[in-house]
Structure formats: C-alpha cells, structure tokens
N, C-alpha and C. Protein backbone atom coordinates (compact mmCIF):
# COMPACT_ATOMS: atom_id res chain seq x y z
N MET A 1 0.82 -1.18 0.00
CA MET A 1 0.00 0.00 0.00
C MET A 1 0.87 1.26 0.00
N LYS A 2 1.97 1.20 0.73
CA LYS A 2 2.85 2.37 0.79
C LYS A 2 3.46 2.67 -0.57
N HIS A 3 3.73 1.63 -1.34
CA HIS A 3 4.29 1.83 -2.67
C HIS A 3 3.28 2.49 -3.60
N ILE A 4 2.04 2.03 -3.52
CA ILE A 4 0.98 2.61 -4.36
C ILE A 4 0.73 4.06 -3.98
N ALA A 5 0.69 4.33 -2.68
CA ALA A 5 0.46 5.70 -2.22
C ALA A 5 1.56 6.63 -2.71
N ALA A 6 2.80 6.19 -2.60
CA ALA A 6 3.92 7.02 -3.07
C ALA A 6 3.85 7.22 -4.58
N TYR A 7 3.52 6.15 -5.31
CA TYR A 7 3.39 6.25 -6.77
C TYR A 7 2.33 7.28 -7.14
N MET A 8 1.18 7.21 -6.48
CA MET A 8 0.09 8.13 -6.81
C MET A 8 0.44 9.57 -6.44
N LEU A 9 1.13 9.77 -5.32
CA LEU A 9 1.55 11.13 -4.95
C LEU A 9 2.50 11.71 -5.99
N LEU A 10 3.42 10.89 -6.44
CA LEU A 10 4.35 11.36 -7.47
C LEU A 10 3.63 11.67 -8.78
N GLN A 11 2.66 10.84 -9.12
CA GLN A 11 1.93 11.08 -10.35
C GLN A 11 1.07 12.35 -10.24
N LEU A 12 0.50 12.59 -9.06
CA LEU A 12 -0.24 13.83 -8.86
C LEU A 12 0.67 15.05 -9.01
N GLY A 13 1.95 14.85 -8.74
CA GLY A 13 2.93 15.91 -8.90
C GLY A 13 3.27 16.20 -10.35
N GLY A 14 2.74 15.39 -11.27
CA GLY A 14 2.91 15.68 -12.68
C GLY A 14 3.98 14.88 -13.40
N LYS A 15 4.41 13.77 -12.83
CA LYS A 15 5.42 12.98 -13.53
C LYS A 15 5.02 11.51 -13.53
N THR A 16 5.61 10.77 -14.44
CA THR A 16 5.42 9.33 -14.46
C THR A 16 6.51 8.73 -13.60
N PRO A 17 6.16 8.22 -12.43
CA PRO A 17 7.18 7.78 -11.48
C PRO A 17 7.92 6.52 -11.92
N SER A 18 9.18 6.51 -11.60
CA SER A 18 10.01 5.32 -11.80
C SER A 18 10.21 4.67 -10.43
N ALA A 19 10.82 3.50 -10.44
CA ALA A 19 11.08 2.80 -9.19
C ALA A 19 11.99 3.65 -8.29
N ALA A 20 12.96 4.32 -8.89
CA ALA A 20 13.87 5.17 -8.12
C ALA A 20 13.14 6.36 -7.50
N ASP A 21 12.16 6.92 -8.23
CA ASP A 21 11.38 8.04 -7.70
C ASP A 21 10.57 7.60 -6.47
N VAL A 22 9.90 6.46 -6.58
CA VAL A 22 9.08 5.96 -5.48
C VAL A 22 9.97 5.64 -4.28
N LYS A 23 11.10 4.98 -4.53
CA LYS A 23 12.03 4.64 -3.46
C LYS A 23 12.56 5.91 -2.79
N GLY A 24 12.87 6.91 -3.57
CA GLY A 24 13.35 8.18 -3.01
C GLY A 24 12.32 8.85 -2.14
N LEU A 25 11.07 8.84 -2.58
CA LEU A 25 10.01 9.44 -1.78
C LEU A 25 9.82 8.70 -0.47
N LEU A 26 9.81 7.38 -0.53
CA LEU A 26 9.66 6.59 0.69
C LEU A 26 10.84 6.80 1.63
N ASP A 27 12.04 6.96 1.08
CA ASP A 27 13.23 7.20 1.90
C ASP A 27 13.13 8.52 2.67
N THR A 28 12.51 9.52 2.06
CA THR A 28 12.40 10.83 2.72
C THR A 28 11.56 10.78 3.99
N VAL A 29 10.67 9.79 4.08
CA VAL A 29 9.84 9.67 5.29
C VAL A 29 10.27 8.49 6.16
N GLY A 30 11.43 7.91 5.84
CA GLY A 30 11.99 6.87 6.67
C GLY A 30 11.41 5.48 6.45
N ILE A 31 10.84 5.23 5.27
CA ILE A 31 10.27 3.93 4.96
C ILE A 31 11.17 3.23 3.96
N GLU A 32 11.50 1.98 4.26
CA GLU A 32 12.34 1.20 3.35
C GLU A 32 11.45 0.52 2.32
N ALA A 33 11.75 0.72 1.06
CA ALA A 33 10.95 0.14 -0.02
C ALA A 33 11.33 -1.31 -0.24
N ASP A 34 10.34 -2.14 -0.50
CA ASP A 34 10.55 -3.53 -0.86
C ASP A 34 10.79 -3.57 -2.36
N GLU A 35 12.02 -3.88 -2.75
CA GLU A 35 12.41 -3.82 -4.17
C GLU A 35 11.54 -4.69 -5.06
N GLU A 36 11.24 -5.90 -4.61
CA GLU A 36 10.47 -6.83 -5.44
C GLU A 36 9.05 -6.29 -5.69
N ARG A 37 8.40 -5.86 -4.62
CA ARG A 37 7.04 -5.32 -4.77
C ARG A 37 7.03 -4.04 -5.59
N LEU A 38 8.02 -3.20 -5.36
CA LEU A 38 8.11 -1.95 -6.09
C LEU A 38 8.30 -2.19 -7.59
N ASN A 39 9.17 -3.11 -7.93
CA ASN A 39 9.40 -3.41 -9.35
C ASN A 39 8.16 -4.03 -9.99
N THR A 40 7.43 -4.87 -9.24
CA THR A 40 6.19 -5.45 -9.75
C THR A 40 5.16 -4.35 -9.99
N LEU A 41 5.04 -3.42 -9.05
CA LEU A 41 4.09 -2.31 -9.19
C LEU A 41 4.41 -1.48 -10.42
N ILE A 42 5.66 -1.11 -10.58
CA ILE A 42 6.06 -0.28 -11.71
C ILE A 42 5.80 -0.99 -13.03
N SER A 43 6.11 -2.28 -13.09
CA SER A 43 5.89 -3.02 -14.34
C SER A 43 4.40 -3.18 -14.64
N GLU A 44 3.57 -3.36 -13.62
CA GLU A 44 2.12 -3.51 -13.83
C GLU A 44 1.47 -2.20 -14.26
N LEU A 45 1.97 -1.08 -13.78
CA LEU A 45 1.36 0.22 -14.08
C LEU A 45 1.98 0.91 -15.30
N GLU A 46 3.01 0.33 -15.86
CA GLU A 46 3.69 0.95 -16.99
C GLU A 46 2.75 1.11 -18.19
N GLY A 47 2.63 2.35 -18.65
CA GLY A 47 1.81 2.65 -19.83
C GLY A 47 0.31 2.70 -19.56
N LYS A 48 -0.10 2.67 -18.30
CA LYS A 48 -1.53 2.70 -17.97
C LYS A 48 -1.89 4.02 -17.33
N ASP A 49 -3.13 4.44 -17.55
CA ASP A 49 -3.64 5.67 -16.95
C ASP A 49 -4.21 5.34 -15.57
N ILE A 50 -3.65 5.95 -14.53
CA ILE A 50 -4.05 5.63 -13.16
C ILE A 50 -5.50 6.02 -12.89
N ALA A 51 -5.97 7.11 -13.48
CA ALA A 51 -7.36 7.52 -13.28
C ALA A 51 -8.33 6.48 -13.86
N GLN A 52 -7.98 5.93 -15.00
CA GLN A 52 -8.82 4.89 -15.61
C GLN A 52 -8.80 3.62 -14.76
N LEU A 53 -7.66 3.27 -14.20
CA LEU A 53 -7.57 2.10 -13.34
C LEU A 53 -8.41 2.26 -12.09
N ILE A 54 -8.42 3.46 -11.52
CA ILE A 54 -9.23 3.73 -10.34
C ILE A 54 -10.71 3.60 -10.67
N THR A 55 -11.12 4.15 -11.80
CA THR A 55 -12.52 4.06 -12.23
C THR A 55 -12.94 2.61 -12.42
N GLU A 56 -12.10 1.82 -13.08
CA GLU A 56 -12.40 0.40 -13.29
C GLU A 56 -12.48 -0.33 -11.95
N GLY A 57 -11.61 0.00 -11.04
CA GLY A 57 -11.62 -0.63 -9.72
C GLY A 57 -12.87 -0.30 -8.93
N GLN A 58 -13.35 0.94 -9.03
CA GLN A 58 -14.57 1.33 -8.35
C GLN A 58 -15.77 0.58 -8.91
N GLU A 59 -15.80 0.38 -10.22
CA GLU A 59 -16.88 -0.37 -10.84
C GLU A 59 -16.88 -1.81 -10.35
N LYS A 60 -15.69 -2.39 -10.20
CA LYS A 60 -15.60 -3.77 -9.72
C LYS A 60 -16.04 -3.86 -8.26
N LEU A 61 -15.64 -2.90 -7.44
CA LEU A 61 -16.01 -2.91 -6.04
C LEU A 61 -17.51 -2.69 -5.83
N ALA A 62 -18.15 -1.97 -6.74
CA ALA A 62 -19.58 -1.72 -6.62
C ALA A 62 -20.38 -3.01 -6.73
N SER A 63 -19.84 -4.01 -7.41
CA SER A 63 -20.57 -5.26 -7.57
C SER A 63 -20.30 -6.24 -6.43
N VAL A 64 -19.41 -5.90 -5.51
CA VAL A 64 -19.09 -6.79 -4.39
C VAL A 64 -20.08 -6.55 -3.26
N PRO A 65 -20.76 -7.60 -2.81
CA PRO A 65 -21.70 -7.42 -1.69
C PRO A 65 -20.94 -7.12 -0.41
N SER A 66 -21.53 -6.28 0.41
CA SER A 66 -20.91 -5.95 1.69
C SER A 66 -21.95 -6.03 2.78
N GLY A 67 -21.53 -6.23 3.99
CA GLY A 67 -22.45 -6.31 5.10
C GLY A 67 -22.87 -7.73 5.43
N GLY A 68 -22.50 -8.70 4.64
CA GLY A 68 -22.79 -10.08 4.93
C GLY A 68 -24.20 -10.53 4.62
N ALA A 69 -25.06 -9.62 4.17
CA ALA A 69 -26.44 -9.99 3.92
C ALA A 69 -26.74 -10.15 2.44
N GLY A 70 -25.74 -10.05 1.60
CA GLY A 70 -25.94 -10.20 0.16
C GLY A 70 -26.79 -9.09 -0.39
N GLY A 71 -27.80 -9.44 -1.17
CA GLY A 71 -28.65 -8.45 -1.82
C GLY A 71 -29.58 -7.74 -0.86
N ALA A 72 -29.79 -8.26 0.33
CA ALA A 72 -30.71 -7.64 1.29
C ALA A 72 -30.04 -6.53 2.09
N ALA A 73 -28.76 -6.30 1.88
CA ALA A 73 -28.04 -5.31 2.68
C ALA A 73 -28.55 -3.89 2.44
N ALA A 74 -28.82 -3.52 1.21
CA ALA A 74 -29.26 -2.15 0.93
C ALA A 74 -30.64 -1.87 1.52
N PRO A 75 -31.66 -2.72 1.32
CA PRO A 75 -32.94 -2.44 1.95
C PRO A 75 -32.87 -2.44 3.47
N ALA A 76 -32.07 -3.32 4.03
CA ALA A 76 -31.94 -3.36 5.48
C ALA A 76 -31.29 -2.07 6.00
N ALA A 77 -30.30 -1.58 5.27
CA ALA A 77 -29.64 -0.34 5.68
C ALA A 77 -30.59 0.84 5.57
N ALA A 78 -31.42 0.84 4.53
CA ALA A 78 -32.39 1.93 4.37
C ALA A 78 -33.43 1.89 5.48
N ALA A 79 -33.86 0.70 5.86
CA ALA A 79 -34.85 0.57 6.93
C ALA A 79 -34.22 0.97 8.26
N ALA A 80 -32.97 0.65 8.46
CA ALA A 80 -32.30 0.99 9.70
C ALA A 80 -32.13 2.50 9.84
N GLY A 81 -32.07 3.21 8.74
CA GLY A 81 -31.93 4.66 8.80
C GLY A 81 -33.12 5.30 9.48
N GLY A 82 -34.31 4.78 9.28
CA GLY A 82 -35.50 5.32 9.91
C GLY A 82 -35.63 4.89 11.36
N ALA A 83 -34.96 3.83 11.75
CA ALA A 83 -35.09 3.30 13.10
C ALA A 83 -34.02 3.86 14.03
N ALA A 84 -33.17 4.72 13.56
CA ALA A 84 -32.08 5.24 14.39
C ALA A 84 -32.57 6.00 15.62
N PRO A 85 -33.58 6.88 15.53
CA PRO A 85 -34.03 7.56 16.74
C PRO A 85 -34.56 6.60 17.80
N ALA A 86 -35.24 5.54 17.38
CA ALA A 86 -35.75 4.57 18.35
C ALA A 86 -34.60 3.87 19.05
N ALA A 87 -33.54 3.59 18.34
CA ALA A 87 -32.38 2.94 18.94
C ALA A 87 -31.73 3.85 19.97
N GLU A 88 -31.69 5.15 19.70
CA GLU A 88 -31.11 6.10 20.65
C GLU A 88 -31.93 6.14 21.93
N GLU A 89 -33.27 6.10 21.79
CA GLU A 89 -34.12 6.12 22.97
C GLU A 89 -33.89 4.88 23.82
N LYS A 90 -33.71 3.73 23.19
CA LYS A 90 -33.46 2.51 23.94
C LYS A 90 -32.16 2.59 24.70
N LYS A 91 -31.14 3.21 24.09
CA LYS A 91 -29.86 3.35 24.75
C LYS A 91 -30.00 4.22 26.00
N GLU A 92 -30.76 5.29 25.89
CA GLU A 92 -30.94 6.17 27.03
C GLU A 92 -31.67 5.45 28.16
N GLU A 93 -32.69 4.66 27.82
CA GLU A 93 -33.41 3.91 28.82
C GLU A 93 -32.49 2.90 29.49
N LYS A 94 -31.64 2.29 28.72
CA LYS A 94 -30.72 1.29 29.24
C LYS A 94 -29.75 1.92 30.24
N LYS A 95 -29.28 3.13 29.94
CA LYS A 95 -28.36 3.82 30.84
C LYS A 95 -29.04 4.12 32.17
N GLU A 96 -30.31 4.52 32.13
CA GLU A 96 -31.04 4.83 33.35
C GLU A 96 -31.21 3.57 34.20
N GLU A 97 -31.48 2.44 33.57
CA GLU A 97 -31.63 1.20 34.30
C GLU A 97 -30.32 0.80 34.97
N GLU A 98 -29.21 1.02 34.30
CA GLU A 98 -27.92 0.68 34.88
C GLU A 98 -27.66 1.49 36.14
N LYS A 99 -28.07 2.74 36.17
CA LYS A 99 -27.88 3.57 37.35
C LYS A 99 -28.67 3.01 38.52
N GLU A 100 -29.89 2.56 38.28
CA GLU A 100 -30.72 2.00 39.35
C GLU A 100 -30.13 0.70 39.86
N GLU A 101 -29.59 -0.11 39.00
CA GLU A 101 -29.04 -1.40 39.39
C GLU A 101 -27.72 -1.26 40.13
N SER A 102 -27.06 -0.13 39.99
CA SER A 102 -25.76 0.05 40.63
C SER A 102 -25.88 0.23 42.14
N ASP A 103 -27.08 0.34 42.67
CA ASP A 103 -27.30 0.53 44.11
C ASP A 103 -27.57 -0.81 44.78
N ASP A 104 -26.94 -1.87 44.32
CA ASP A 104 -27.16 -3.21 44.85
C ASP A 104 -26.50 -3.43 46.21
N ASP A 105 -25.63 -2.52 46.64
CA ASP A 105 -24.96 -2.72 47.92
C ASP A 105 -25.84 -2.34 49.10
N MET A 106 -27.02 -1.84 48.85
CA MET A 106 -28.05 -1.50 49.85
C MET A 106 -27.52 -0.52 50.91
N GLY A 107 -26.67 0.38 50.52
CA GLY A 107 -26.19 1.39 51.43
C GLY A 107 -24.92 1.04 52.17
N PHE A 108 -24.46 -0.17 52.01
CA PHE A 108 -23.24 -0.58 52.66
C PHE A 108 -22.12 -0.63 51.65
N GLY A 109 -21.05 0.07 51.91
CA GLY A 109 -19.92 0.05 51.00
C GLY A 109 -18.97 -1.08 51.37
N LEU A 110 -18.12 -1.44 50.46
CA LEU A 110 -17.17 -2.52 50.68
C LEU A 110 -16.19 -2.19 51.79
N PHE A 111 -15.81 -0.91 51.89
CA PHE A 111 -14.79 -0.54 52.87
C PHE A 111 -15.35 0.31 54.00
N ASP A 112 -16.66 0.24 54.28
CA ASP A 112 -17.27 1.02 55.38
C ASP A 112 -17.07 0.31 56.70
C-alpha cells in the first residue's frame, strides 16, 4: 500500500514515477521500499492511466456485496436509517436502568 500511495503522490505531482522516484520518496519519510514489490508495481502500471484504473476498480467494487447480507443489505440499511431515533431512545433507557441497578450494595460500602 505504501508503494501505491507514493506512486500516486508522485503522479499527482505531474510525472510518471520510476522505481527510483518511489524509493526516493519513501526514503524521505523513513520507509524502506521492498524492491520486489516496487518493481512489480512499476511493471504492472507501466503505460496505464491511473485515473482509468481507479474508475475500473470502483466499478468492480460496486458489484461486491458488503455487510454479509448479500442483496438484502441495501434495503436493510435503508430501513435501519428510519429506526435510528428509536435505537437512541433505547440506549438512554438502558443507561437509566444501569444507574438504578448500581445501588445493589443497599447502602453498605465494601470498605465502610
């Protein structure tokens, strides 16, 4: 991840980064670059537009289900949005109950 971040920062600076550029940037912040991973990254990204790769990656991630519920995740999340105030009220009630239960020592302290 550090190699990709350095590569993208250098590209935002207006240049096509080389392995030496990425290594130099990582060295300035005290990070040692992994030569094998860095060379693989540079060879994989050579001649490709990073903005296009990001767009393609976002499209792929959009099709990945998240939340563990598969296709039902979006409707469940939408329904949960309307139930948020009720959940807050339950939390407040729960806190009040905890205060009442904390008086189980019946007026006698452990070190009295």
